[in-house]
PDB file of all heavy atoms in Angstrom:
ATOM      1  N   THR A   1       0.809  -1.193   0.042  1.00  0.00           N
ATOM      2  CA  THR A   1      -0.033  -0.046  -0.003  1.00  0.00           C
ATOM      3  C   THR A   1       0.866   1.195  -0.017  1.00  0.00           C
ATOM      4  O   THR A   1       0.614   2.223  -0.693  1.00  0.00           O
ATOM      5  CB  THR A   1      -0.922  -0.039   1.240  1.00  0.00           C
ATOM      6  OG1 THR A   1      -1.824  -1.090   1.135  1.00  0.00           O
ATOM      7  CG2 THR A   1      -1.762   1.331   1.308  1.00  0.00           C
ATOM      8  N   ARG A   2       1.920   1.254   0.738  1.00  0.00           N
ATOM      9  CA  ARG A   2       2.855   2.401   0.845  1.00  0.00           C
ATOM     10  C   ARG A   2       3.540   2.582  -0.525  1.00  0.00           C
ATOM     11  O   ARG A   2       3.736   3.727  -0.901  1.00  0.00           O
ATOM     12  CB  ARG A   2       3.840   2.207   2.004  1.00  0.00           C
ATOM     13  CG  ARG A   2       3.152   2.231   3.371  1.00  0.00           C
ATOM     14  CD  ARG A   2       4.217   2.051   4.440  1.00  0.00           C
ATOM     15  NE  ARG A   2       3.544   1.770   5.764  1.00  0.00           N
ATOM     16  CZ  ARG A   2       3.103   2.726   6.554  1.00  0.00           C
ATOM     17  NH1 ARG A   2       3.216   3.970   6.181  1.00  0.00           N
ATOM     18  NH2 ARG A   2       2.475   2.444   7.663  1.00  0.00           N
ATOM     19  N   ILE A   3       3.900   1.501  -1.124  1.00  0.00           N
ATOM     20  CA  ILE A   3       4.511   1.628  -2.405  1.00  0.00           C
ATOM     21  C   ILE A   3       3.568   2.187  -3.469  1.00  0.00           C
ATOM     22  O   ILE A   3       3.943   3.077  -4.268  1.00  0.00           O
ATOM     23  CB  ILE A   3       5.068   0.190  -2.945  1.00  0.00           C
ATOM     24  CG1 ILE A   3       6.209  -0.270  -2.037  1.00  0.00           C
ATOM     25  CG2 ILE A   3       5.516   0.264  -4.433  1.00  0.00           C
ATOM     26  CD1 ILE A   3       6.670  -1.651  -2.316  1.00  0.00           C
ATOM     27  N   LEU A   4       2.342   1.686  -3.449  1.00  0.00           N
ATOM     28  CA  LEU A   4       1.311   2.245  -4.337  1.00  0.00           C
ATOM     29  C   LEU A   4       1.096   3.677  -4.061  1.00  0.00           C
ATOM     30  O   LEU A   4       0.754   4.456  -4.901  1.00  0.00           O
ATOM     31  CB  LEU A   4      -0.005   1.410  -4.143  1.00  0.00           C
ATOM     32  CG  LEU A   4       0.062  -0.027  -4.777  1.00  0.00           C
ATOM     33  CD1 LEU A   4      -1.227  -0.776  -4.404  1.00  0.00           C
ATOM     34  CD2 LEU A   4       0.320   0.005  -6.220  1.00  0.00           C
ATOM     35  N   GLY A   5       1.124   4.070  -2.733  1.00  0.00           N
ATOM     36  CA  GLY A   5       0.987   5.451  -2.396  1.00  0.00           C
ATOM     37  C   GLY A   5       2.051   6.261  -3.100  1.00  0.00           C
ATOM     38  O   GLY A   5       1.755   7.476  -3.547  1.00  0.00           O
ATOM     39  N   VAL A   6       3.259   5.848  -3.133  1.00  0.00           N
ATOM     40  CA  VAL A   6       4.355   6.555  -3.796  1.00  0.00           C
ATOM     41  C   VAL A   6       4.070   6.778  -5.285  1.00  0.00           C
ATOM     42  O   VAL A   6       4.222   7.805  -5.850  1.00  0.00           O
ATOM     43  CB  VAL A   6       5.731   5.847  -3.584  1.00  0.00           C
ATOM     44  CG1 VAL A   6       6.795   6.525  -4.499  1.00  0.00           C
ATOM     45  CG2 VAL A   6       6.100   5.865  -2.140  1.00  0.00           C
ATOM     46  N   VAL A   7       3.512   5.617  -5.861  1.00  0.00           N
ATOM     47  CA  VAL A   7       3.166   5.643  -7.286  1.00  0.00           C
ATOM     48  C   VAL A   7       2.012   6.701  -7.561  1.00  0.00           C
ATOM     49  O   VAL A   7       2.068   7.519  -8.492  1.00  0.00           O
ATOM     50  CB  VAL A   7       2.623   4.215  -7.756  1.00  0.00           C
ATOM     51  CG1 VAL A   7       2.136   4.362  -9.217  1.00  0.00           C
ATOM     52  CG2 VAL A   7       3.718   3.212  -7.689  1.00  0.00           C
ATOM     53  N   VAL A   8       1.028   6.694  -6.656  1.00  0.00           N
ATOM     54  CA  VAL A   8      -0.060   7.704  -6.835  1.00  0.00           C
ATOM     55  C   VAL A   8       0.483   9.079  -6.683  1.00  0.00           C
ATOM     56  O   VAL A   8      -0.013   9.991  -7.393  1.00  0.00           O
ATOM     57  CB  VAL A   8      -1.116   7.386  -5.761  1.00  0.00           C
ATOM     58  CG1 VAL A   8      -2.228   8.522  -5.811  1.00  0.00           C
ATOM     59  CG2 VAL A   8      -1.779   6.039  -6.051  1.00  0.00           C
ATOM     60  N   ILE A   9       1.341   9.303  -5.784  1.00  0.00           N
ATOM     61  CA  ILE A   9       1.973  10.647  -5.603  1.00  0.00           C
ATOM     62  C   ILE A   9       2.748  11.084  -6.939  1.00  0.00           C
ATOM     63  O   ILE A   9       2.565  12.251  -7.430  1.00  0.00           O
ATOM     64  CB  ILE A   9       2.943  10.676  -4.408  1.00  0.00           C
ATOM     65  CG1 ILE A   9       2.187  10.573  -3.087  1.00  0.00           C
ATOM     66  CG2 ILE A   9       3.788  11.968  -4.429  1.00  0.00           C
ATOM     67  CD1 ILE A   9       3.084  10.349  -1.863  1.00  0.00           C
ATOM     68  N   LEU A  10       3.506  10.171  -7.464  1.00  0.00           N
ATOM     69  CA  LEU A  10       4.183  10.487  -8.696  1.00  0.00           C
ATOM     70  C   LEU A  10       3.193  10.824  -9.815  1.00  0.00           C
ATOM     71  O   LEU A  10       3.389  11.758 -10.635  1.00  0.00           O
ATOM     72  CB  LEU A  10       5.080   9.294  -9.133  1.00  0.00           C
ATOM     73  CG  LEU A  10       6.285   9.021  -8.251  1.00  0.00           C
ATOM     74  CD1 LEU A  10       6.969   7.749  -8.704  1.00  0.00           C
ATOM     75  CD2 LEU A  10       7.204  10.124  -8.265  1.00  0.00           C
ATOM     76  N   VAL A  11       2.064  10.064  -9.918  1.00  0.00           N
ATOM     77  CA  VAL A  11       1.050  10.305 -10.931  1.00  0.00           C
ATOM     78  C   VAL A  11       0.461  11.782 -10.651  1.00  0.00           C
ATOM     79  O   VAL A  11       0.243  12.512 -11.666  1.00  0.00           O
ATOM     80  CB  VAL A  11       0.013   9.247 -10.862  1.00  0.00           C
ATOM     81  CG1 VAL A  11      -1.288   9.686 -11.766  1.00  0.00           C
ATOM     82  CG2 VAL A  11       0.494   7.932 -11.331  1.00  0.00           C
ATOM     83  N   GLY A  12       0.194  12.053  -9.477  1.00  0.00           N
ATOM     84  CA  GLY A  12      -0.373  13.316  -9.114  1.00  0.00           C
ATOM     85  C   GLY A  12       0.622  14.483  -9.508  1.00  0.00           C
ATOM     86  O   GLY A  12       0.134  15.489 -10.034  1.00  0.00           O
ATOM     87  N   LEU A  13       1.908  14.271  -9.296  1.00  0.00           N
ATOM     88  CA  LEU A  13       2.847  15.291  -9.645  1.00  0.00           C
ATOM     89  C   LEU A  13       2.904  15.479 -11.132  1.00  0.00           C
ATOM     90  O   LEU A  13       3.107  16.617 -11.708  1.00  0.00           O
ATOM     91  CB  LEU A  13       4.281  14.851  -9.223  1.00  0.00           C
ATOM     92  CG  LEU A  13       4.438  14.923  -7.678  1.00  0.00           C
ATOM     93  CD1 LEU A  13       5.818  14.279  -7.250  1.00  0.00           C
ATOM     94  CD2 LEU A  13       4.427  16.329  -7.137  1.00  0.00           C
ATOM     95  N   ILE A  14       2.766  14.380 -11.890  1.00  0.00           N
ATOM     96  CA  ILE A  14       2.775  14.464 -13.339  1.00  0.00           C
ATOM     97  C   ILE A  14       1.539  15.257 -13.806  1.00  0.00           C
ATOM     98  O   ILE A  14       1.664  16.162 -14.619  1.00  0.00           O
ATOM     99  CB  ILE A  14       2.748  13.037 -13.976  1.00  0.00           C
ATOM    100  CG1 ILE A  14       4.020  12.333 -13.706  1.00  0.00           C
ATOM    101  CG2 ILE A  14       2.450  13.148 -15.522  1.00  0.00           C
ATOM    102  CD1 ILE A  14       4.041  10.888 -14.106  1.00  0.00           C
ATOM    103  N   PHE A  15       0.316  14.960 -13.260  1.00  0.00           N
ATOM    104  CA  PHE A  15      -0.901  15.660 -13.714  1.00  0.00           C
ATOM    105  C   PHE A  15      -0.920  17.098 -13.253  1.00  0.00           C
ATOM    106  O   PHE A  15      -1.514  17.973 -13.930  1.00  0.00           O
ATOM    107  CB  PHE A  15      -2.070  14.910 -13.276  1.00  0.00           C
ATOM    108  CG  PHE A  15      -2.594  13.872 -14.229  1.00  0.00           C
ATOM    109  CD1 PHE A  15      -1.983  12.571 -14.271  1.00  0.00           C
ATOM    110  CD2 PHE A  15      -3.601  14.182 -15.138  1.00  0.00           C
ATOM    111  CE1 PHE A  15      -2.417  11.712 -15.173  1.00  0.00           C
ATOM    112  CE2 PHE A  15      -4.044  13.318 -16.053  1.00  0.00           C
ATOM    113  CZ  PHE A  15      -3.427  11.982 -16.117  1.00  0.00           C
ATOM    114  N   ALA A  16      -0.230  17.377 -12.120  1.00  0.00           N
ATOM    115  CA  ALA A  16      -0.248  18.790 -11.690  1.00  0.00           C
ATOM    116  C   ALA A  16       0.739  19.618 -12.414  1.00  0.00           C
ATOM    117  O   ALA A  16       0.812  20.777 -12.291  1.00  0.00           O
ATOM    118  CB  ALA A  16       0.097  18.747 -10.153  1.00  0.00           C
ATOM    119  N   GLY A  17       1.590  18.956 -13.275  1.00  0.00           N
ATOM    120  CA  GLY A  17       2.499  19.631 -14.139  1.00  0.00           C
ATOM    121  C   GLY A  17       3.857  19.878 -13.381  1.00  0.00           C
ATOM    122  O   GLY A  17       4.709  20.630 -13.905  1.00  0.00           O
ATOM    123  N   TRP A  18       4.039  19.260 -12.254  1.00  0.00           N
ATOM    124  CA  TRP A  18       5.303  19.428 -11.513  1.00  0.00           C
ATOM    125  C   TRP A  18       6.333  18.361 -11.718  1.00  0.00           C
ATOM    126  O   TRP A  18       7.453  18.422 -11.174  1.00  0.00           O
ATOM    127  CB  TRP A  18       4.998  19.471  -9.963  1.00  0.00           C
ATOM    128  CG  TRP A  18       4.018  20.639  -9.663  1.00  0.00           C
ATOM    129  CD1 TRP A  18       4.021  21.853 -10.296  1.00  0.00           C
ATOM    130  CD2 TRP A  18       3.005  20.668  -8.689  1.00  0.00           C
ATOM    131  NE1 TRP A  18       3.083  22.663  -9.711  1.00  0.00           N
ATOM    132  CE2 TRP A  18       2.400  21.913  -8.736  1.00  0.00           C
ATOM    133  CE3 TRP A  18       2.578  19.783  -7.720  1.00  0.00           C
ATOM    134  CZ2 TRP A  18       1.356  22.336  -7.911  1.00  0.00           C
ATOM    135  CZ3 TRP A  18       1.493  20.113  -6.908  1.00  0.00           C
ATOM    136  CH2 TRP A  18       0.970  21.462  -7.010  1.00  0.00           C
ATOM    137  N   LEU A  19       6.001  17.389 -12.534  1.00  0.00           N
ATOM    138  CA  LEU A  19       6.919  16.377 -12.947  1.00  0.00           C
ATOM    139  C   LEU A  19       6.782  16.088 -14.393  1.00  0.00           C
ATOM    140  O   LEU A  19       5.822  15.371 -14.815  1.00  0.00           O
ATOM    141  CB  LEU A  19       6.683  15.108 -12.090  1.00  0.00           C
ATOM    142  CG  LEU A  19       7.736  13.942 -12.189  1.00  0.00           C
ATOM    143  CD1 LEU A  19       9.125  14.475 -11.610  1.00  0.00           C
ATOM    144  CD2 LEU A  19       7.295  12.755 -11.407  1.00  0.00           C
ATOM    145  N   PRO A  20       7.588  16.680 -15.241  1.00  0.00           N
ATOM    146  CA  PRO A  20       7.302  16.672 -16.735  1.00  0.00           C
ATOM    147  C   PRO A  20       7.682  15.382 -17.400  1.00  0.00           C
ATOM    148  O   PRO A  20       8.541  15.314 -18.307  1.00  0.00           O
ATOM    149  CB  PRO A  20       8.304  17.844 -17.191  1.00  0.00           C
ATOM    150  CG  PRO A  20       9.383  17.786 -16.249  1.00  0.00           C
ATOM    151  CD  PRO A  20       8.777  17.428 -14.898  1.00  0.00           C
ATOM    152  N   ILE A  21       7.068  14.307 -16.989  1.00  0.00           N
ATOM    153  CA  ILE A  21       7.287  12.979 -17.652  1.00  0.00           C
ATOM    154  C   ILE A  21       5.939  12.313 -17.807  1.00  0.00           C
ATOM    155  O   ILE A  21       5.005  12.644 -17.090  1.00  0.00           O
ATOM    156  CB  ILE A  21       8.251  12.113 -16.930  1.00  0.00           C
ATOM    157  CG1 ILE A  21       7.713  11.784 -15.526  1.00  0.00           C
ATOM    158  CG2 ILE A  21       9.642  12.735 -16.873  1.00  0.00           C
ATOM    159  CD1 ILE A  21       8.556  10.779 -14.736  1.00  0.00           C
ATOM    160  N   GLY A  22       5.901  11.339 -18.645  1.00  0.00           N
ATOM    161  CA  GLY A  22       4.671  10.449 -18.738  1.00  0.00           C
ATOM    162  C   GLY A  22       3.469  11.035 -19.385  1.00  0.00           C
ATOM    163  O   GLY A  22       2.432  10.379 -19.387  1.00  0.00           O
ATOM    164  N   ARG A  23       3.538  12.261 -19.953  1.00  0.00           N
ATOM    165  CA  ARG A  23       2.231  12.834 -20.489  1.00  0.00           C
ATOM    166  C   ARG A  23       2.296  12.652 -21.988  1.00  0.00           C
ATOM    167  O   ARG A  23       2.399  13.607 -22.747  1.00  0.00           O
ATOM    168  CB  ARG A  23       2.232  14.357 -20.092  1.00  0.00           C
ATOM    169  CG  ARG A  23       2.044  14.667 -18.649  1.00  0.00           C
ATOM    170  CD  ARG A  23       0.734  14.212 -18.134  1.00  0.00           C
ATOM    171  NE  ARG A  23      -0.335  14.973 -18.810  1.00  0.00           N
ATOM    172  CZ  ARG A  23      -0.678  16.220 -18.478  1.00  0.00           C
ATOM    173  NH1 ARG A  23      -0.034  16.808 -17.506  1.00  0.00           N
ATOM    174  NH2 ARG A  23      -1.615  16.859 -19.133  1.00  0.00           N
ATOM    175  N   ARG A  24       2.253  11.397 -22.403  1.00  0.00           N
ATOM    176  CA  ARG A  24       2.301  11.037 -23.759  1.00  0.00           C
ATOM    177  C   ARG A  24       0.939  11.230 -24.445  1.00  0.00           C
ATOM    178  O   ARG A  24      -0.079  10.968 -23.827  1.00  0.00           O
ATOM    179  CB  ARG A  24       2.841   9.676 -24.019  1.00  0.00           C
ATOM    180  CG  ARG A  24       4.313   9.517 -23.626  1.00  0.00           C
ATOM    181  CD  ARG A  24       4.763   8.090 -23.875  1.00  0.00           C
ATOM    182  NE  ARG A  24       4.127   7.219 -22.904  1.00  0.00           N
ATOM    183  CZ  ARG A  24       4.334   5.943 -22.960  1.00  0.00           C
ATOM    184  NH1 ARG A  24       5.066   5.327 -23.908  1.00  0.00           N
ATOM    185  NH2 ARG A  24       3.684   5.082 -22.152  1.00  0.00           N
ATOM    186  N   ASP A  25       1.023  11.588 -25.733  1.00  0.00           N
ATOM    187  CA  ASP A  25      -0.262  11.741 -26.490  1.00  0.00           C
ATOM    188  C   ASP A  25      -0.300  10.660 -27.536  1.00  0.00           C
ATOM    189  O   ASP A  25       0.062  10.864 -28.720  1.00  0.00           O
ATOM    190  CB  ASP A  25      -0.319  13.077 -27.156  1.00  0.00           C
ATOM    191  CG  ASP A  25      -1.643  13.367 -27.908  1.00  0.00           C
ATOM    192  OD1 ASP A  25      -2.527  12.555 -27.781  1.00  0.00           O
ATOM    193  OD2 ASP A  25      -1.650  14.413 -28.547  1.00  0.00           O
ATOM    194  N   LEU A  26      -0.747   9.410 -27.154  1.00  0.00           N
ATOM    195  CA  LEU A  26      -0.741   8.306 -28.062  1.00  0.00           C
ATOM    196  C   LEU A  26      -2.175   8.027 -28.614  1.00  0.00           C
ATOM    197  O   LEU A  26      -3.073   8.073 -27.759  1.00  0.00           O
ATOM    198  CB  LEU A  26      -0.266   7.112 -27.381  1.00  0.00           C
ATOM    199  CG  LEU A  26       1.217   7.127 -26.861  1.00  0.00           C
ATOM    200  CD1 LEU A  26       1.559   5.814 -26.234  1.00  0.00           C
ATOM    201  CD2 LEU A  26       2.142   7.485 -27.962  1.00  0.00           C
ATOM    202  N   ARG A  27      -2.300   7.827 -29.882  1.00  0.00           N
ATOM    203  CA  ARG A  27      -3.664   7.637 -30.447  1.00  0.00           C
ATOM    204  C   ARG A  27      -3.612   6.520 -31.440  1.00  0.00           C
ATOM    205  O   ARG A  27      -2.573   6.284 -32.085  1.00  0.00           O
ATOM    206  CB  ARG A  27      -4.120   8.895 -31.174  1.00  0.00           C
ATOM    207  CG  ARG A  27      -4.079  10.216 -30.332  1.00  0.00           C
ATOM    208  CD  ARG A  27      -4.290  11.412 -31.157  1.00  0.00           C
ATOM    209  NE  ARG A  27      -4.181  12.639 -30.361  1.00  0.00           N
ATOM    210  CZ  ARG A  27      -4.206  13.809 -30.868  1.00  0.00           C
ATOM    211  NH1 ARG A  27      -4.370  14.030 -32.124  1.00  0.00           N
ATOM    212  NH2 ARG A  27      -4.051  14.859 -30.028  1.00  0.00           N
ATOM    213  N   LEU A  28      -4.663   5.793 -31.552  1.00  0.00           N
ATOM    214  CA  LEU A  28      -4.786   4.799 -32.648  1.00  0.00           C
ATOM    215  C   LEU A  28      -5.047   5.558 -33.896  1.00  0.00           C
ATOM    216  O   LEU A  28      -5.863   6.427 -33.979  1.00  0.00           O
ATOM    217  CB  LEU A  28      -5.953   3.876 -32.356  1.00  0.00           C
ATOM    218  CG  LEU A  28      -5.812   2.920 -31.062  1.00  0.00           C
ATOM    219  CD1 LEU A  28      -7.045   2.093 -30.941  1.00  0.00           C
ATOM    220  CD2 LEU A  28      -4.526   2.107 -31.149  1.00  0.00           C
ATOM    221  N   THR A  29      -4.317   5.169 -34.961  1.00  0.00           N
ATOM    222  CA  THR A  29      -4.433   6.002 -36.166  1.00  0.00           C
ATOM    223  C   THR A  29      -5.522   5.470 -37.101  1.00  0.00           C
ATOM    224  O   THR A  29      -6.022   6.275 -37.944  1.00  0.00           O
ATOM    225  CB  THR A  29      -3.034   5.964 -36.932  1.00  0.00           C
ATOM    226  OG1 THR A  29      -2.734   4.562 -37.193  1.00  0.00           O
ATOM    227  CG2 THR A  29      -1.975   6.608 -36.092  1.00  0.00           C
ATOM    228  N   ARG A  30      -5.919   4.241 -36.953  1.00  0.00           N
ATOM    229  CA  ARG A  30      -6.927   3.717 -37.871  1.00  0.00           C
ATOM    230  C   ARG A  30      -7.938   2.930 -37.086  1.00  0.00           C
ATOM    231  O   ARG A  30      -7.597   2.003 -36.387  1.00  0.00           O
ATOM    232  CB  ARG A  30      -6.333   2.859 -38.936  1.00  0.00           C
ATOM    233  CG  ARG A  30      -5.341   3.601 -39.934  1.00  0.00           C
ATOM    234  CD  ARG A  30      -4.924   2.720 -41.039  1.00  0.00           C
ATOM    235  NE  ARG A  30      -5.975   2.464 -41.912  1.00  0.00           N
ATOM    236  CZ  ARG A  30      -5.923   1.640 -42.975  1.00  0.00           C
ATOM    237  NH1 ARG A  30      -4.845   1.093 -43.274  1.00  0.00           N
ATOM    238  NH2 ARG A  30      -7.011   1.434 -43.741  1.00  0.00           N
ATOM    239  N   MET A  31      -9.158   3.270 -37.248  1.00  0.00           N
ATOM    240  CA  MET A  31     -10.284   2.470 -36.756  1.00  0.00           C
ATOM    241  C   MET A  31     -11.440   2.413 -37.662  1.00  0.00           C
ATOM    242  O   MET A  31     -11.728   3.451 -38.292  1.00  0.00           O
ATOM    243  CB  MET A  31     -10.793   3.220 -35.377  1.00  0.00           C
ATOM    244  CG  MET A  31      -9.796   3.122 -34.266  1.00  0.00           C
ATOM    245  SD  MET A  31     -10.416   3.983 -32.782  1.00  0.00           S
ATOM    246  CE  MET A  31     -11.778   2.842 -32.344  1.00  0.00           C
ATOM    247  N   PRO A  32     -12.022   1.265 -37.830  1.00  0.00           N
ATOM    248  CA  PRO A  32     -13.121   1.155 -38.767  1.00  0.00           C
ATOM    249  C   PRO A  32     -14.416   1.841 -38.370  1.00  0.00           C
ATOM    250  O   PRO A  32     -14.779   1.849 -37.195  1.00  0.00           O
ATOM    251  CB  PRO A  32     -13.359  -0.376 -38.844  1.00  0.00           C
ATOM    252  CG  PRO A  32     -12.950  -0.871 -37.481  1.00  0.00           C
ATOM    253  CD  PRO A  32     -11.848   0.076 -37.093  1.00  0.00           C
TER     254      PRO A  32
END
């Protein structure tokens, strides 16, 4: 749980814009 807590904190830092990694813009290019 504590390890997952660290992961959640890192994710929060990314979304808050304080950790500039992991914000990739990946899209599927073809869909029927």
